Protein backbone atom coordinates (compact mmCIF):
# COMPACT_ATOMS: atom_id res chain seq x y z
CA MET A 1 111.79 146.69 165.55
CA ALA A 2 112.22 143.25 166.07
CA PHE A 3 113.90 141.84 169.27
CA ALA A 4 116.12 138.56 169.43
CA LYS A 5 117.66 137.19 171.48
CA LEU A 6 120.35 133.86 171.94
CA ILE A 7 119.32 131.69 174.35
CA ALA A 8 121.80 128.86 175.42
CA PHE A 9 120.53 125.52 176.67
CA ASP A 10 122.40 123.17 178.47
CA ARG A 11 121.27 119.73 177.06
CA PRO A 12 119.65 119.36 173.39
CA LEU A 13 116.09 120.45 173.22
CA ALA A 14 113.51 118.01 173.36
CA ALA A 15 110.14 119.86 172.54
CA ALA A 16 109.33 123.22 172.34
CA VAL A 17 105.80 125.13 172.57
CA ARG A 18 104.94 128.72 171.13
CA PRO A 19 102.38 130.56 172.87
CA GLY A 20 99.00 131.18 171.32
CA THR A 21 99.91 127.73 168.45
CA GLY A 22 98.26 124.46 169.91
CA GLY A 23 99.03 120.99 168.63
CA ARG A 24 101.73 118.67 168.10
CA PHE A 25 105.42 119.26 167.60
CA CYS A 26 107.35 116.34 166.49
CA THR A 27 110.70 114.97 167.41
CA GLU A 28 113.55 114.51 164.54
CA ALA A 29 112.88 110.77 164.24
CA GLU A 30 109.16 111.42 164.09
CA LEU A 31 109.63 113.71 161.24
CA ALA A 32 112.22 111.19 159.44
CA ALA A 33 109.45 108.57 159.74
CA HIS A 34 107.13 111.12 158.34
CA ALA A 35 109.38 111.61 155.36
CA GLN A 36 109.67 107.66 155.22
CA GLU A 37 106.48 107.31 154.91
CA GLY A 38 105.22 110.11 152.64
CA TYR A 39 108.35 108.97 150.52
CA ARG A 40 107.19 105.24 150.39
CA ARG A 41 103.33 106.58 149.65
CA GLY A 42 104.71 109.35 146.35
CA VAL A 43 106.81 105.72 145.06
CA ASP A 44 103.49 103.57 145.37
CA ALA A 45 101.32 106.17 143.85
CA ALA A 46 103.90 106.71 141.21
CA ARG A 47 103.94 102.91 140.24
CA ALA A 48 100.17 103.31 139.97
CA ALA A 49 100.38 105.72 138.04
CA ALA A 50 102.43 103.92 135.73
CA ASP A 51 100.83 100.54 135.49
CA GLN A 52 97.55 102.62 134.42
CA GLN A 53 99.61 104.39 131.82
CA MET A 54 100.96 101.03 130.75
CA VAL A 55 97.53 99.35 130.66
CA GLU A 56 96.05 102.52 128.61
CA PHE A 57 99.10 102.30 126.16
CA ARG A 58 98.99 98.94 125.80
CA ALA A 59 95.24 98.81 124.90
CA ASP A 60 95.94 102.06 122.55
CA VAL A 61 98.58 100.38 120.35
CA GLU A 62 95.96 96.89 120.60
CA ALA A 63 93.33 99.12 119.19
CA LEU A 64 95.97 100.56 116.58
CA GLY A 65 97.01 97.23 115.52
CA GLU A 66 94.01 95.57 114.46
CA GLY A 67 92.68 99.08 112.82
CA VAL A 68 95.92 98.59 110.78
CA PHE A 69 95.58 94.52 110.44
CA LYS A 70 92.05 95.44 109.57
CA GLN A 71 93.21 98.49 107.22
CA LEU A 72 95.58 96.45 105.34
CA THR A 73 93.34 93.12 105.40
CA ALA A 74 90.78 95.85 103.17
CA ILE A 75 93.20 97.24 100.75
CA GLU A 76 94.92 93.82 99.79
CA PRO A 77 92.95 93.07 96.91
CA ALA A 78 93.52 96.50 95.33
CA LEU A 79 97.03 96.19 95.86
CA LEU A 80 96.94 92.65 94.55
CA ALA A 81 95.83 93.79 91.56
CA GLN A 82 97.47 96.55 90.78
CA LEU A 83 100.83 94.74 91.52
CA ARG A 84 99.25 91.92 88.94
CA GLU A 85 98.88 94.76 86.51
CA ALA A 86 101.89 96.86 86.79
CA LEU A 87 104.12 93.39 87.06
CA PRO A 88 103.74 92.24 83.14
CA GLY A 89 105.05 95.76 82.07
CA LEU A 90 107.92 96.07 84.37
CA ALA A 91 109.07 92.30 82.94
CA ILE A 92 108.52 92.92 79.28
CA ASP A 93 110.91 97.12 80.09
CA LEU A 94 112.86 95.02 81.87
CA ALA A 95 113.83 92.67 79.46
CA LYS A 96 113.71 95.24 76.71
CA ARG A 97 116.34 96.78 78.36
CA LEU A 98 118.60 94.27 79.82
CA LEU A 99 118.74 93.32 75.82
CA ALA A 100 119.21 96.58 74.32
CA GLY A 101 122.33 96.74 72.43
CA TYR A 102 123.21 92.72 73.51
CA GLU A 103 125.77 91.40 71.24
CA PRO A 104 125.74 87.69 71.75
CA SER A 105 128.96 86.07 72.01
CA PRO A 106 129.50 82.91 69.49
CA GLU A 107 128.67 80.56 71.78
CA VAL A 108 125.27 82.18 72.44
CA VAL A 109 124.79 82.64 69.01
CA SER A 110 125.29 78.80 68.41
CA ARG A 111 123.00 77.93 70.97
CA LEU A 112 120.27 80.40 69.61
CA CYS A 113 120.51 78.67 66.03
CA GLU A 114 120.50 75.45 67.73
CA GLU A 115 117.53 76.12 69.70
CA SER A 116 115.85 77.09 66.83
CA LEU A 117 116.70 74.57 64.71
CA ALA A 118 115.07 71.88 67.37
CA GLU A 119 112.68 73.39 67.15
CA LEU A 120 111.36 71.46 64.35
CA PHE A 121 112.23 68.37 65.27
CA PRO A 122 111.14 65.49 63.49
CA GLU A 123 112.02 68.02 60.41
CA LEU A 124 115.92 67.88 59.85
CA GLU A 125 116.33 68.14 55.95
CA ASN A 126 115.82 70.80 53.91
CA LEU A 127 116.00 73.46 56.35
CA GLU A 128 116.97 77.10 55.76
CA LEU A 129 118.86 79.03 58.69
CA THR A 130 118.58 82.77 58.25
CA LEU A 131 121.29 85.30 60.05
CA SER A 132 122.49 88.56 60.40
CA PRO A 133 126.21 88.69 58.79
CA ARG A 134 128.01 89.21 62.09
CA ASP A 135 126.54 86.03 63.48
CA LEU A 136 126.46 83.80 60.12
CA ALA A 137 130.49 84.40 60.60
CA PHE A 138 130.64 83.46 64.06
CA ILE A 139 129.08 79.80 62.59
CA GLU A 140 131.37 79.36 59.77
CA GLU A 141 134.13 80.14 62.33
CA LEU A 142 133.08 77.78 65.24
CA GLN A 143 131.82 74.54 63.03
CA PRO A 144 129.40 73.86 65.76
CA ALA A 145 128.49 69.99 66.24
CA TRP A 146 125.00 70.26 65.43
CA LEU A 147 125.42 71.71 61.85
CA GLY A 148 126.11 67.74 61.09
CA ARG A 149 122.70 66.94 62.43
CA PHE A 150 120.65 68.79 59.34
CA PRO A 151 121.57 67.28 56.15
CA GLY A 152 121.28 69.80 53.42
CA LEU A 153 121.22 73.10 56.03
CA LYS A 154 121.68 76.54 54.20
CA LEU A 155 123.24 79.21 56.06
CA ARG A 156 122.02 82.59 54.44
CA THR A 157 122.47 86.33 55.90
CA ASP A 158 119.75 89.15 56.05
CA ALA A 159 121.31 92.33 56.77
CA SER A 160 117.98 93.34 58.29
CA LEU A 161 118.48 90.59 61.36
CA GLU A 162 120.48 92.03 64.70
CA PRO A 163 123.04 90.43 66.39
CA GLY A 164 121.52 87.07 68.42
CA ASP A 165 118.50 87.22 65.40
CA CYS A 166 117.78 84.12 63.52
CA GLN A 167 114.68 82.45 61.57
CA VAL A 168 114.27 78.93 60.21
CA ARG A 169 112.38 77.59 57.31
CA SER A 170 110.66 74.70 56.23
CA ARG A 171 108.63 73.22 54.17
CA PHE A 172 105.75 74.18 57.06
CA GLY A 173 106.61 77.79 56.99
CA LEU A 174 109.06 80.40 59.22
CA THR A 175 110.39 79.97 62.89
CA ASP A 176 110.95 83.66 63.96
CA ALA A 177 113.66 83.64 66.57
CA ARG A 178 113.94 87.00 65.91
CA ARG A 179 114.39 89.13 70.20
CA ARG A 180 111.56 91.52 69.05
CA THR A 181 109.35 88.21 68.29
CA LYS A 182 110.66 87.03 71.78
CA ILE A 183 109.77 90.02 73.42
CA ALA A 184 106.03 90.18 71.58
CA ALA A 185 105.76 86.25 72.49
CA LEU A 186 106.66 87.13 76.19
CA THR A 187 103.86 90.02 76.29
CA ALA A 188 101.40 88.14 75.10
CA SER A 189 101.75 85.18 77.48
CA LEU A 190 101.73 88.14 80.87
CA GLN A 191 98.26 90.12 79.48
CA PRO A 192 96.34 88.74 81.73
CA THR A 193 92.87 87.12 79.54
């Protein structure tokens, strides 16, 4: 069984030596100084390790960035070729979807007819404008000013034409301003040659 006895001192203990041990024991102030020095060395070591990790991280990020840019540079021509192939078809589909079921207002019908007739300039006489029955009613109701610029203009209806479609006959042939003809012309103009 171990024996323990409490010893009372008349002043604070400055040092103690245990029998059989050599070496020096530290005071409280020395111990605090050693702890402070150890803390400082630990902070310095942690900062050095963090700085080294940051340098390695920057190098890794830079290498990744260069790799990504090299890959983008390599795939850019192929990507552009794919876009050039896909965009005309998308534009045509978009035009078809936007115009599906569209019935232009009387003012728009008047402008479409005027533009179709203007394409035949300087031919102004003996023209025949063919419209859908709905559009012809709009033109007869509006009586646009451009009608006076085309002497002898004949207005005809064709039930096969959709609203917004028109055709103009002249001594040179037929000018087709139907929506599907315009979309076909747009498709042809967008196709790569």
